[in-house]
Structure formats: C-alpha cells, structure tokens
C-alpha cells in the first residue's frame, strides 16, 4: 500500500482540481461573464499575433 499512496494522492488532487474547475466554469457560465472574457482574450490574441487568425487556417 505504501507504493500506491503517492499515486492515490495525486489522483485525489487531480480529481479535486477537476471538480473545482468544473464548478467554476458552471458558475461563470451561469452569470454570463464568460462571453466578455473570451471575446477580450481572442481580440488580444488577434492583435498580438502577426498574422491574426489566418495563422490557424493554414495560410502563412
């Protein structure tokens, strides 16, 4: 059992973190604040990248 203890602790921590982020995503989505944050992040990314969104479409 001593050999499995670190792995069980790691799995427990990851499960707790996943649960927290799932709860947090649901909370943000219910309040309607996710849209503004995502559009702001996307606008900042497009402004900072040299080719904008074209980079992800396969064009250079």
PDB file of N, CA and C in Angstrom:
ATOM      1  N   UNK A   1       0.822  -1.194   0.000  1.00  0.00           N
ATOM      2  CA  UNK A   1       0.000   0.000   0.000  1.00  0.00           C
ATOM      3  C   UNK A   1       0.865   1.257   0.000  1.00  0.00           C
ATOM      4  N   UNK A   2       2.053   1.153   0.580  1.00  0.00           N
ATOM      5  CA  UNK A   2       2.930   2.322   0.614  1.00  0.00           C
ATOM      6  C   UNK A   2       3.373   2.733  -0.779  1.00  0.00           C
ATOM      7  N   UNK A   3       3.427   1.773  -1.687  1.00  0.00           N
ATOM      8  CA  UNK A   3       3.855   2.083  -3.051  1.00  0.00           C
ATOM      9  C   UNK A   3       2.761   2.863  -3.791  1.00  0.00           C
ATOM     10  N   UNK A   4       1.513   2.545  -3.538  1.00  0.00           N
ATOM     11  CA  UNK A   4       0.398   3.184  -4.234  1.00  0.00           C
ATOM     12  C   UNK A   4      -0.019   4.523  -3.622  1.00  0.00           C
ATOM     13  N   UNK A   5       0.426   4.804  -2.428  1.00  0.00           N
ATOM     14  CA  UNK A   5      -0.013   6.005  -1.725  1.00  0.00           C
ATOM     15  C   UNK A   5       0.259   7.305  -2.492  1.00  0.00           C
ATOM     16  N   UNK A   6       1.449   7.522  -3.028  1.00  0.00           N
ATOM     17  CA  UNK A   6       1.662   8.774  -3.777  1.00  0.00           C
ATOM     18  C   UNK A   6       0.771   8.889  -5.016  1.00  0.00           C
ATOM     19  N   UNK A   7       0.531   7.770  -5.679  1.00  0.00           N
ATOM     20  CA  UNK A   7      -0.321   7.797  -6.870  1.00  0.00           C
ATOM     21  C   UNK A   7      -1.770   8.080  -6.502  1.00  0.00           C
ATOM     22  N   UNK A   8      -2.225   7.516  -5.400  1.00  0.00           N
ATOM     23  CA  UNK A   8      -3.592   7.784  -4.955  1.00  0.00           C
ATOM     24  C   UNK A   8      -3.746   9.247  -4.539  1.00  0.00           C
ATOM     25  N   UNK A   9      -2.734   9.792  -3.887  1.00  0.00           N
ATOM     26  CA  UNK A   9      -2.791  11.201  -3.508  1.00  0.00           C
ATOM     27  C   UNK A   9      -2.809  12.098  -4.747  1.00  0.00           C
ATOM     28  N   UNK A  10      -2.021  11.757  -5.733  1.00  0.00           N
ATOM     29  CA  UNK A  10      -2.002  12.537  -6.971  1.00  0.00           C
ATOM     30  C   UNK A  10      -3.359  12.474  -7.672  1.00  0.00           C
ATOM     31  N   UNK A  11      -3.923  11.280  -7.757  1.00  0.00           N
ATOM     32  CA  UNK A  11      -5.247  11.138  -8.389  1.00  0.00           C
ATOM     33  C   UNK A  11      -6.311  11.896  -7.610  1.00  0.00           C
ATOM     34  N   UNK A  12      -6.231  11.881  -6.305  1.00  0.00           N
ATOM     35  CA  UNK A  12      -7.181  12.628  -5.486  1.00  0.00           C
ATOM     36  C   UNK A  12      -7.061  14.124  -5.700  1.00  0.00           C
ATOM     37  N   UNK A  13      -5.831  14.606  -5.784  1.00  0.00           N
ATOM     38  CA  UNK A  13      -5.622  16.030  -6.031  1.00  0.00           C
ATOM     39  C   UNK A  13      -6.146  16.424  -7.398  1.00  0.00           C
ATOM     40  N   UNK A  14      -5.853  15.619  -8.414  1.00  0.00           N
ATOM     41  CA  UNK A  14      -6.326  15.930  -9.764  1.00  0.00           C
ATOM     42  C   UNK A  14      -7.850  15.893  -9.839  1.00  0.00           C
ATOM     43  N   UNK A  15      -8.469  14.954  -9.153  1.00  0.00           N
ATOM     44  CA  UNK A  15      -9.932  14.880  -9.134  1.00  0.00           C
ATOM     45  C   UNK A  15     -10.525  16.109  -8.451  1.00  0.00           C
ATOM     46  N   UNK A  16      -9.898  16.550  -7.362  1.00  0.00           N
ATOM     47  CA  UNK A  16     -10.389  17.743  -6.668  1.00  0.00           C
ATOM     48  C   UNK A  16     -10.221  18.985  -7.539  1.00  0.00           C
ATOM     49  N   UNK A  17      -9.090  19.099  -8.221  1.00  0.00           N
ATOM     50  CA  UNK A  17      -8.865  20.251  -9.100  1.00  0.00           C
ATOM     51  C   UNK A  17      -9.851  20.251 -10.262  1.00  0.00           C
ATOM     52  N   UNK A  18     -10.092  19.081 -10.840  1.00  0.00           N
ATOM     53  CA  UNK A  18     -11.052  18.976 -11.937  1.00  0.00           C
ATOM     54  C   UNK A  18     -12.458  19.338 -11.471  1.00  0.00           C
ATOM     55  N   UNK A  19     -12.820  18.884 -10.296  1.00  0.00           N
ATOM     56  CA  UNK A  19     -14.122  19.231  -9.735  1.00  0.00           C
ATOM     57  C   UNK A  19     -14.260  20.724  -9.492  1.00  0.00           C
ATOM     58  N   UNK A  20     -13.200  21.347  -8.978  1.00  0.00           N
ATOM     59  CA  UNK A  20     -13.251  22.788  -8.738  1.00  0.00           C
ATOM     60  C   UNK A  20     -13.413  23.555 -10.038  1.00  0.00           C
ATOM     61  N   UNK A  21     -12.624  23.200 -11.052  1.00  0.00           N
ATOM     62  CA  UNK A  21     -12.708  23.931 -12.308  1.00  0.00           C
ATOM     63  C   UNK A  21     -14.032  23.681 -13.023  1.00  0.00           C
ATOM     64  N   UNK A  22     -14.603  22.507 -12.875  1.00  0.00           N
ATOM     65  CA  UNK A  22     -15.922  22.244 -13.442  1.00  0.00           C
ATOM     66  C   UNK A  22     -16.978  23.113 -12.765  1.00  0.00           C
ATOM     67  N   UNK A  23     -16.904  23.181 -11.455  1.00  0.00           N
ATOM     68  CA  UNK A  23     -17.824  24.035 -10.711  1.00  0.00           C
ATOM     69  C   UNK A  23     -17.639  25.501 -11.107  1.00  0.00           C
ATOM     70  N   UNK A  24     -16.387  25.941 -11.193  1.00  0.00           N
ATOM     71  CA  UNK A  24     -16.096  27.329 -11.525  1.00  0.00           C
ATOM     72  C   UNK A  24     -16.576  27.685 -12.926  1.00  0.00           C
ATOM     73  N   UNK A  25     -16.387  26.778 -13.892  1.00  0.00           N
ATOM     74  CA  UNK A  25     -16.854  27.035 -15.261  1.00  0.00           C
ATOM     75  C   UNK A  25     -18.374  27.149 -15.298  1.00  0.00           C
ATOM     76  N   UNK A  26     -19.055  26.295 -14.558  1.00  0.00           N
ATOM     77  CA  UNK A  26     -20.514  26.390 -14.490  1.00  0.00           C
ATOM     78  C   UNK A  26     -20.972  27.682 -13.846  1.00  0.00           C
ATOM     79  N   UNK A  27     -20.256  28.107 -12.840  1.00  0.00           N
ATOM     80  CA  UNK A  27     -20.601  29.342 -12.147  1.00  0.00           C
ATOM     81  C   UNK A  27     -20.416  30.564 -13.060  1.00  0.00           C
ATOM     82  N   UNK A  28     -19.324  30.585 -13.795  1.00  0.00           N
ATOM     83  CA  UNK A  28     -19.061  31.698 -14.701  1.00  0.00           C
ATOM     84  C   UNK A  28     -20.077  31.705 -15.833  1.00  0.00           C
ATOM     85  N   UNK A  29     -20.412  30.531 -16.340  1.00  0.00           N
ATOM     86  CA  UNK A  29     -21.357  30.446 -17.445  1.00  0.00           C
ATOM     87  C   UNK A  29     -22.749  30.889 -17.008  1.00  0.00           C
ATOM     88  N   UNK A  30     -23.144  30.563 -15.795  1.00  0.00           N
ATOM     89  CA  UNK A  30     -24.463  30.970 -15.305  1.00  0.00           C
ATOM     90  C   UNK A  30     -24.557  32.480 -15.145  1.00  0.00           C
ATOM     91  N   UNK A  31     -23.486  33.110 -14.766  1.00  0.00           N
ATOM     92  CA  UNK A  31     -23.508  34.557 -14.575  1.00  0.00           C
ATOM     93  C   UNK A  31     -23.382  35.314 -15.883  1.00  0.00           C
ATOM     94  N   UNK A  32     -22.996  34.636 -16.960  1.00  0.00           N
ATOM     95  CA  UNK A  32     -22.894  35.288 -18.241  1.00  0.00           C
ATOM     96  C   UNK A  32     -21.631  36.109 -18.421  1.00  0.00           C
ATOM     97  N   UNK A  33     -20.620  35.875 -17.589  1.00  0.00           N
ATOM     98  CA  UNK A  33     -19.386  36.652 -17.686  1.00  0.00           C
ATOM     99  C   UNK A  33     -18.356  35.979 -18.579  1.00  0.00           C
ATOM    100  N   UNK A  34     -18.642  34.803 -19.069  1.00  0.00           N
ATOM    101  CA  UNK A  34     -17.668  34.082 -19.888  1.00  0.00           C
ATOM    102  C   UNK A  34     -17.531  34.712 -21.269  1.00  0.00           C
ATOM    103  N   UNK A  35     -18.605  35.246 -21.806  1.00  0.00           N
ATOM    104  CA  UNK A  35     -18.574  35.778 -23.164  1.00  0.00           C
ATOM    105  C   UNK A  35     -17.648  36.978 -23.277  1.00  0.00           C
ATOM    106  N   UNK A  36     -17.728  37.892 -22.355  1.00  0.00           N
ATOM    107  CA  UNK A  36     -16.880  39.076 -22.398  1.00  0.00           C
ATOM    108  C   UNK A  36     -15.408  38.740 -22.242  1.00  0.00           C
ATOM    109  N   UNK A  37     -15.114  37.803 -21.373  1.00  0.00           N
ATOM    110  CA  UNK A  37     -13.725  37.410 -21.173  1.00  0.00           C
ATOM    111  C   UNK A  37     -13.141  36.706 -22.372  1.00  0.00           C
ATOM    112  N   UNK A  38     -13.910  35.837 -22.985  1.00  0.00           N
ATOM    113  CA  UNK A  38     -13.416  35.111 -24.152  1.00  0.00           C
ATOM    114  C   UNK A  38     -13.237  36.045 -25.339  1.00  0.00           C
ATOM    115  N   UNK A  39     -14.162  36.954 -25.555  1.00  0.00           N
ATOM    116  CA  UNK A  39     -14.017  37.862 -26.690  1.00  0.00           C
ATOM    117  C   UNK A  39     -12.843  38.810 -26.472  1.00  0.00           C
ATOM    118  N   UNK A  40     -12.612  39.220 -25.243  1.00  0.00           N
ATOM    119  CA  UNK A  40     -11.460  40.069 -24.954  1.00  0.00           C
ATOM    120  C   UNK A  40     -10.143  39.339 -25.149  1.00  0.00           C
ATOM    121  N   UNK A  41     -10.089  38.089 -24.719  1.00  0.00           N
ATOM    122  CA  UNK A  41      -8.867  37.301 -24.894  1.00  0.00           C
ATOM    123  C   UNK A  41      -8.596  37.037 -26.370  1.00  0.00           C
ATOM    124  N   UNK A  42      -9.640  36.743 -27.132  1.00  0.00           N
ATOM    125  CA  UNK A  42      -9.463  36.488 -28.559  1.00  0.00           C
ATOM    126  C   UNK A  42      -9.028  37.760 -29.290  1.00  0.00           C
ATOM    127  N   UNK A  43      -9.580  38.889 -28.923  1.00  0.00           N
ATOM    128  CA  UNK A  43      -9.182  40.147 -29.556  1.00  0.00           C
ATOM    129  C   UNK A  43      -7.726  40.477 -29.240  1.00  0.00           C
ATOM    130  N   UNK A  44      -7.310  40.223 -28.002  1.00  0.00           N
ATOM    131  CA  UNK A  44      -5.924  40.487 -27.634  1.00  0.00           C
ATOM    132  C   UNK A  44      -4.981  39.555 -28.379  1.00  0.00           C
ATOM    133  N   UNK A  45      -5.395  38.304 -28.542  1.00  0.00           N
ATOM    134  CA  UNK A  45      -4.551  37.358 -29.270  1.00  0.00           C
ATOM    135  C   UNK A  45      -4.420  37.763 -30.738  1.00  0.00           C
ATOM    136  N   UNK A  46      -5.534  38.145 -31.347  1.00  0.00           N
ATOM    137  CA  UNK A  46      -5.505  38.535 -32.761  1.00  0.00           C
ATOM    138  C   UNK A  46      -4.668  39.791 -32.967  1.00  0.00           C
ATOM    139  N   UNK A  47      -4.709  40.697 -32.022  1.00  0.00           N
ATOM    140  CA  UNK A  47      -3.933  41.920 -32.141  1.00  0.00           C
ATOM    141  C   UNK A  47      -2.441  41.660 -31.939  1.00  0.00           C
ATOM    142  N   UNK A  48      -2.111  40.706 -31.082  1.00  0.00           N
ATOM    143  CA  UNK A  48      -0.710  40.440 -30.767  1.00  0.00           C
ATOM    144  C   UNK A  48      -0.032  39.554 -31.805  1.00  0.00           C
ATOM    145  N   UNK A  49      -0.778  38.664 -32.452  1.00  0.00           N
ATOM    146  CA  UNK A  49      -0.150  37.760 -33.406  1.00  0.00           C
ATOM    147  C   UNK A  49       0.075  38.472 -34.739  1.00  0.00           C
ATOM    148  N   UNK A  50       1.172  38.172 -35.416  1.00  0.00           N
ATOM    149  CA  UNK A  50       1.492  38.897 -36.648  1.00  0.00           C
ATOM    150  C   UNK A  50       0.509  38.633 -37.786  1.00  0.00           C
ATOM    151  N   UNK A  51      -0.040  37.436 -37.870  1.00  0.00           N
ATOM    152  CA  UNK A  51      -0.949  37.103 -38.962  1.00  0.00           C
ATOM    153  C   UNK A  51      -2.401  37.043 -38.529  1.00  0.00           C
ATOM    154  N   UNK A  52      -2.693  37.334 -37.294  1.00  0.00           N
ATOM    155  CA  UNK A  52      -4.065  37.258 -36.824  1.00  0.00           C
ATOM    156  C   UNK A  52      -4.574  35.824 -36.819  1.00  0.00           C
ATOM    157  N   UNK A  53      -5.815  35.627 -37.181  1.00  0.00           N
ATOM    158  CA  UNK A  53      -6.401  34.290 -37.158  1.00  0.00           C
ATOM    159  C   UNK A  53      -6.000  33.475 -38.378  1.00  0.00           C
ATOM    160  N   UNK A  54      -5.469  34.096 -39.399  1.00  0.00           N
ATOM    161  CA  UNK A  54      -5.087  33.360 -40.606  1.00  0.00           C
ATOM    162  C   UNK A  54      -4.041  32.300 -40.300  1.00  0.00           C
ATOM    163  N   UNK A  55      -3.281  32.499 -39.232  1.00  0.00           N
ATOM    164  CA  UNK A  55      -2.234  31.549 -38.880  1.00  0.00           C
ATOM    165  C   UNK A  55      -2.808  30.153 -38.631  1.00  0.00           C
ATOM    166  N   UNK A  56      -3.976  30.075 -38.029  1.00  0.00           N
ATOM    167  CA  UNK A  56      -4.571  28.789 -37.686  1.00  0.00           C
ATOM    168  C   UNK A  56      -5.324  28.158 -38.837  1.00  0.00           C
ATOM    169  N   UNK A  57      -5.529  28.886 -39.913  1.00  0.00           N
ATOM    170  CA  UNK A  57      -6.252  28.335 -41.053  1.00  0.00           C
ATOM    171  C   UNK A  57      -5.309  27.674 -42.063  1.00  0.00           C
ATOM    172  N   UNK A  58      -4.016  27.660 -41.770  1.00  0.00           N
ATOM    173  CA  UNK A  58      -3.074  27.003 -42.638  1.00  0.00           C
ATOM    174  C   UNK A  58      -2.411  27.916 -43.639  1.00  0.00           C
ATOM    175  N   UNK A  59      -2.808  29.168 -43.668  1.00  0.00           N
ATOM    176  CA  UNK A  59      -2.171  30.120 -44.581  1.00  0.00           C
ATOM    177  C   UNK A  59      -1.055  30.844 -43.856  1.00  0.00           C
ATOM    178  N   UNK A  60      -0.075  31.257 -44.599  1.00  0.00           N
ATOM    179  CA  UNK A  60       1.045  31.978 -43.978  1.00  0.00           C
ATOM    180  C   UNK A  60       1.023  33.415 -44.434  1.00  0.00           C
TER     181      UNK A  60
END
